[in-house]
Amino acid sequence: MFKFKRELILPVFLASGLKVWQLAKLAGVAHGTAYRAVNGLSVSAPNAAKIARALKIDALKFLVAPAQD
């Protein structure tokens, strides 16, 4: 699972002018997934990529480094 840095992705999301449901539809993900992504909560790698594409951002620059177990 991956997390976007909330302090980075939220301003991009807000600047896009999209509502969460619109981002979800544009990215092809569930509403809850889009909500989790823009709030810095865990999403799967494929969904992170879809959301990044929809927002026209480089996902790698917006993701939190995964925790080392």
N, C-alpha and C. Protein backbone atom coordinates (compact mmCIF):
# COMPACT_ATOMS: atom_id res chain seq x y z
N MET A 1 0.84 -1.18 0.00
CA MET A 1 0.00 0.00 0.00
C MET A 1 0.88 1.24 0.00
N PHE A 2 0.36 2.28 -0.59
CA PHE A 2 1.09 3.53 -0.72
C PHE A 2 0.25 4.68 -0.17
N LYS A 3 0.94 5.74 0.23
CA LYS A 3 0.25 6.93 0.72
C LYS A 3 0.84 8.15 0.02
N PHE A 4 -0.04 9.03 -0.42
CA PHE A 4 0.42 10.32 -0.92
C PHE A 4 0.69 11.22 0.28
N LYS A 5 1.67 12.11 0.15
CA LYS A 5 1.92 13.11 1.18
C LYS A 5 0.76 14.10 1.10
N ARG A 6 -0.05 14.13 2.13
CA ARG A 6 -1.26 14.96 2.13
C ARG A 6 -0.94 16.42 1.86
N GLU A 7 0.14 16.91 2.47
CA GLU A 7 0.48 18.33 2.31
C GLU A 7 0.90 18.67 0.89
N LEU A 8 1.23 17.66 0.09
CA LEU A 8 1.59 17.89 -1.31
C LEU A 8 0.41 17.66 -2.26
N ILE A 9 -0.33 16.59 -2.04
CA ILE A 9 -1.39 16.25 -2.99
C ILE A 9 -2.65 17.10 -2.79
N LEU A 10 -2.95 17.46 -1.56
CA LEU A 10 -4.19 18.21 -1.32
C LEU A 10 -4.21 19.54 -2.07
N PRO A 11 -3.14 20.34 -2.06
CA PRO A 11 -3.18 21.59 -2.83
C PRO A 11 -3.37 21.36 -4.34
N VAL A 12 -2.76 20.29 -4.87
CA VAL A 12 -2.92 19.98 -6.29
C VAL A 12 -4.37 19.60 -6.57
N PHE A 13 -4.93 18.77 -5.70
CA PHE A 13 -6.33 18.38 -5.86
C PHE A 13 -7.25 19.59 -5.79
N LEU A 14 -7.06 20.45 -4.80
CA LEU A 14 -7.92 21.63 -4.66
C LEU A 14 -7.77 22.57 -5.85
N ALA A 15 -6.55 22.72 -6.35
CA ALA A 15 -6.31 23.59 -7.51
C ALA A 15 -6.96 23.04 -8.78
N SER A 16 -7.16 21.73 -8.82
CA SER A 16 -7.78 21.13 -10.01
C SER A 16 -9.25 21.53 -10.14
N GLY A 17 -9.86 21.92 -9.02
CA GLY A 17 -11.27 22.30 -9.04
C GLY A 17 -12.22 21.12 -9.09
N LEU A 18 -11.68 19.92 -9.00
CA LEU A 18 -12.51 18.72 -9.04
C LEU A 18 -13.11 18.42 -7.67
N LYS A 19 -14.23 17.79 -7.68
CA LYS A 19 -14.80 17.21 -6.46
C LYS A 19 -14.22 15.79 -6.36
N VAL A 20 -14.30 15.19 -5.18
CA VAL A 20 -13.74 13.85 -4.99
C VAL A 20 -14.39 12.86 -5.96
N TRP A 21 -15.70 12.95 -6.13
CA TRP A 21 -16.37 12.00 -7.02
C TRP A 21 -15.92 12.19 -8.47
N GLN A 22 -15.59 13.43 -8.84
CA GLN A 22 -15.12 13.68 -10.21
C GLN A 22 -13.72 13.12 -10.41
N LEU A 23 -12.87 13.28 -9.40
CA LEU A 23 -11.54 12.68 -9.48
C LEU A 23 -11.65 11.17 -9.58
N ALA A 24 -12.53 10.58 -8.78
CA ALA A 24 -12.72 9.13 -8.80
C ALA A 24 -13.14 8.66 -10.20
N LYS A 25 -14.09 9.36 -10.78
CA LYS A 25 -14.58 8.98 -12.11
C LYS A 25 -13.49 9.15 -13.16
N LEU A 26 -12.78 10.27 -13.10
CA LEU A 26 -11.70 10.54 -14.06
C LEU A 26 -10.58 9.51 -13.95
N ALA A 27 -10.26 9.12 -12.73
CA ALA A 27 -9.18 8.16 -12.50
C ALA A 27 -9.63 6.71 -12.68
N GLY A 28 -10.94 6.47 -12.65
CA GLY A 28 -11.43 5.11 -12.77
C GLY A 28 -11.27 4.31 -11.49
N VAL A 29 -11.44 5.00 -10.35
CA VAL A 29 -11.35 4.34 -9.05
C VAL A 29 -12.62 4.62 -8.26
N ALA A 30 -12.78 3.92 -7.16
CA ALA A 30 -13.94 4.13 -6.30
C ALA A 30 -13.83 5.48 -5.58
N HIS A 31 -14.97 6.03 -5.22
CA HIS A 31 -15.02 7.31 -4.50
C HIS A 31 -14.16 7.24 -3.24
N GLY A 32 -14.29 6.18 -2.47
CA GLY A 32 -13.53 6.03 -1.23
C GLY A 32 -12.03 6.00 -1.48
N THR A 33 -11.62 5.42 -2.59
CA THR A 33 -10.20 5.37 -2.93
C THR A 33 -9.67 6.77 -3.21
N ALA A 34 -10.42 7.55 -3.97
CA ALA A 34 -10.01 8.93 -4.27
C ALA A 34 -9.95 9.75 -2.99
N TYR A 35 -10.93 9.55 -2.12
CA TYR A 35 -10.96 10.26 -0.84
C TYR A 35 -9.72 9.92 -0.01
N ARG A 36 -9.42 8.61 0.07
CA ARG A 36 -8.25 8.19 0.84
C ARG A 36 -6.97 8.78 0.27
N ALA A 37 -6.86 8.80 -1.04
CA ALA A 37 -5.63 9.30 -1.68
C ALA A 37 -5.39 10.77 -1.37
N VAL A 38 -6.41 11.60 -1.52
CA VAL A 38 -6.20 13.04 -1.31
C VAL A 38 -6.08 13.39 0.17
N ASN A 39 -6.41 12.46 1.04
CA ASN A 39 -6.28 12.69 2.47
C ASN A 39 -5.07 11.98 3.07
N GLY A 40 -4.19 11.45 2.20
CA GLY A 40 -2.95 10.86 2.67
C GLY A 40 -3.09 9.50 3.32
N LEU A 41 -4.16 8.79 2.98
CA LEU A 41 -4.37 7.45 3.53
C LEU A 41 -3.94 6.40 2.50
N SER A 42 -3.84 5.16 2.90
CA SER A 42 -3.32 4.09 2.05
C SER A 42 -4.21 3.80 0.85
N VAL A 43 -3.55 3.63 -0.29
CA VAL A 43 -4.19 3.16 -1.52
C VAL A 43 -3.24 2.17 -2.18
N SER A 44 -3.76 1.34 -3.05
CA SER A 44 -2.90 0.38 -3.75
C SER A 44 -2.04 1.09 -4.78
N ALA A 45 -0.98 0.42 -5.21
CA ALA A 45 -0.07 1.00 -6.21
C ALA A 45 -0.80 1.33 -7.52
N PRO A 46 -1.63 0.40 -8.06
CA PRO A 46 -2.33 0.74 -9.30
C PRO A 46 -3.26 1.95 -9.14
N ASN A 47 -3.93 2.04 -7.99
CA ASN A 47 -4.82 3.18 -7.77
C ASN A 47 -4.05 4.48 -7.58
N ALA A 48 -2.91 4.41 -6.93
CA ALA A 48 -2.07 5.61 -6.78
C ALA A 48 -1.65 6.11 -8.17
N ALA A 49 -1.29 5.19 -9.04
CA ALA A 49 -0.88 5.56 -10.39
C ALA A 49 -2.04 6.19 -11.17
N LYS A 50 -3.23 5.63 -11.03
CA LYS A 50 -4.41 6.17 -11.73
C LYS A 50 -4.74 7.57 -11.25
N ILE A 51 -4.66 7.79 -9.96
CA ILE A 51 -4.99 9.10 -9.39
C ILE A 51 -3.93 10.12 -9.80
N ALA A 52 -2.67 9.72 -9.78
CA ALA A 52 -1.60 10.61 -10.21
C ALA A 52 -1.78 11.01 -11.67
N ARG A 53 -2.12 10.03 -12.51
CA ARG A 53 -2.37 10.32 -13.93
C ARG A 53 -3.52 11.29 -14.10
N ALA A 54 -4.58 11.09 -13.35
CA ALA A 54 -5.76 11.96 -13.45
C ALA A 54 -5.43 13.38 -13.02
N LEU A 55 -4.53 13.53 -12.03
CA LEU A 55 -4.15 14.86 -11.56
C LEU A 55 -2.95 15.42 -12.33
N LYS A 56 -2.41 14.62 -13.25
CA LYS A 56 -1.27 15.03 -14.07
C LYS A 56 -0.04 15.36 -13.21
N ILE A 57 0.24 14.45 -12.27
CA ILE A 57 1.41 14.60 -11.41
C ILE A 57 2.27 13.35 -11.50
N ASP A 58 3.52 13.49 -11.10
CA ASP A 58 4.44 12.36 -11.00
C ASP A 58 4.23 11.73 -9.63
N ALA A 59 3.65 10.56 -9.60
CA ALA A 59 3.31 9.90 -8.33
C ALA A 59 4.52 9.78 -7.41
N LEU A 60 5.68 9.48 -7.97
CA LEU A 60 6.86 9.26 -7.14
C LEU A 60 7.26 10.49 -6.33
N LYS A 61 6.94 11.67 -6.82
CA LYS A 61 7.28 12.90 -6.10
C LYS A 61 6.27 13.22 -5.00
N PHE A 62 5.14 12.52 -5.00
CA PHE A 62 4.07 12.81 -4.05
C PHE A 62 3.83 11.71 -3.03
N LEU A 63 4.53 10.58 -3.18
CA LEU A 63 4.30 9.44 -2.29
C LEU A 63 5.21 9.48 -1.07
N VAL A 64 4.70 8.99 0.03
CA VAL A 64 5.47 8.79 1.25
C VAL A 64 6.30 7.54 1.05
N ALA A 65 7.55 7.56 1.49
CA ALA A 65 8.38 6.37 1.40
C ALA A 65 7.77 5.26 2.25
N PRO A 66 7.68 4.05 1.70
CA PRO A 66 7.08 2.95 2.48
C PRO A 66 7.91 2.63 3.72
N ALA A 67 7.23 2.25 4.78
CA ALA A 67 7.90 1.89 6.03
C ALA A 67 8.66 0.58 5.84
N GLN A 68 9.83 0.50 6.43
CA GLN A 68 10.63 -0.71 6.38
C GLN A 68 10.24 -1.61 7.55
N ASP A 69 9.79 -2.81 7.24
CA ASP A 69 9.39 -3.76 8.30
C ASP A 69 10.57 -4.53 8.81
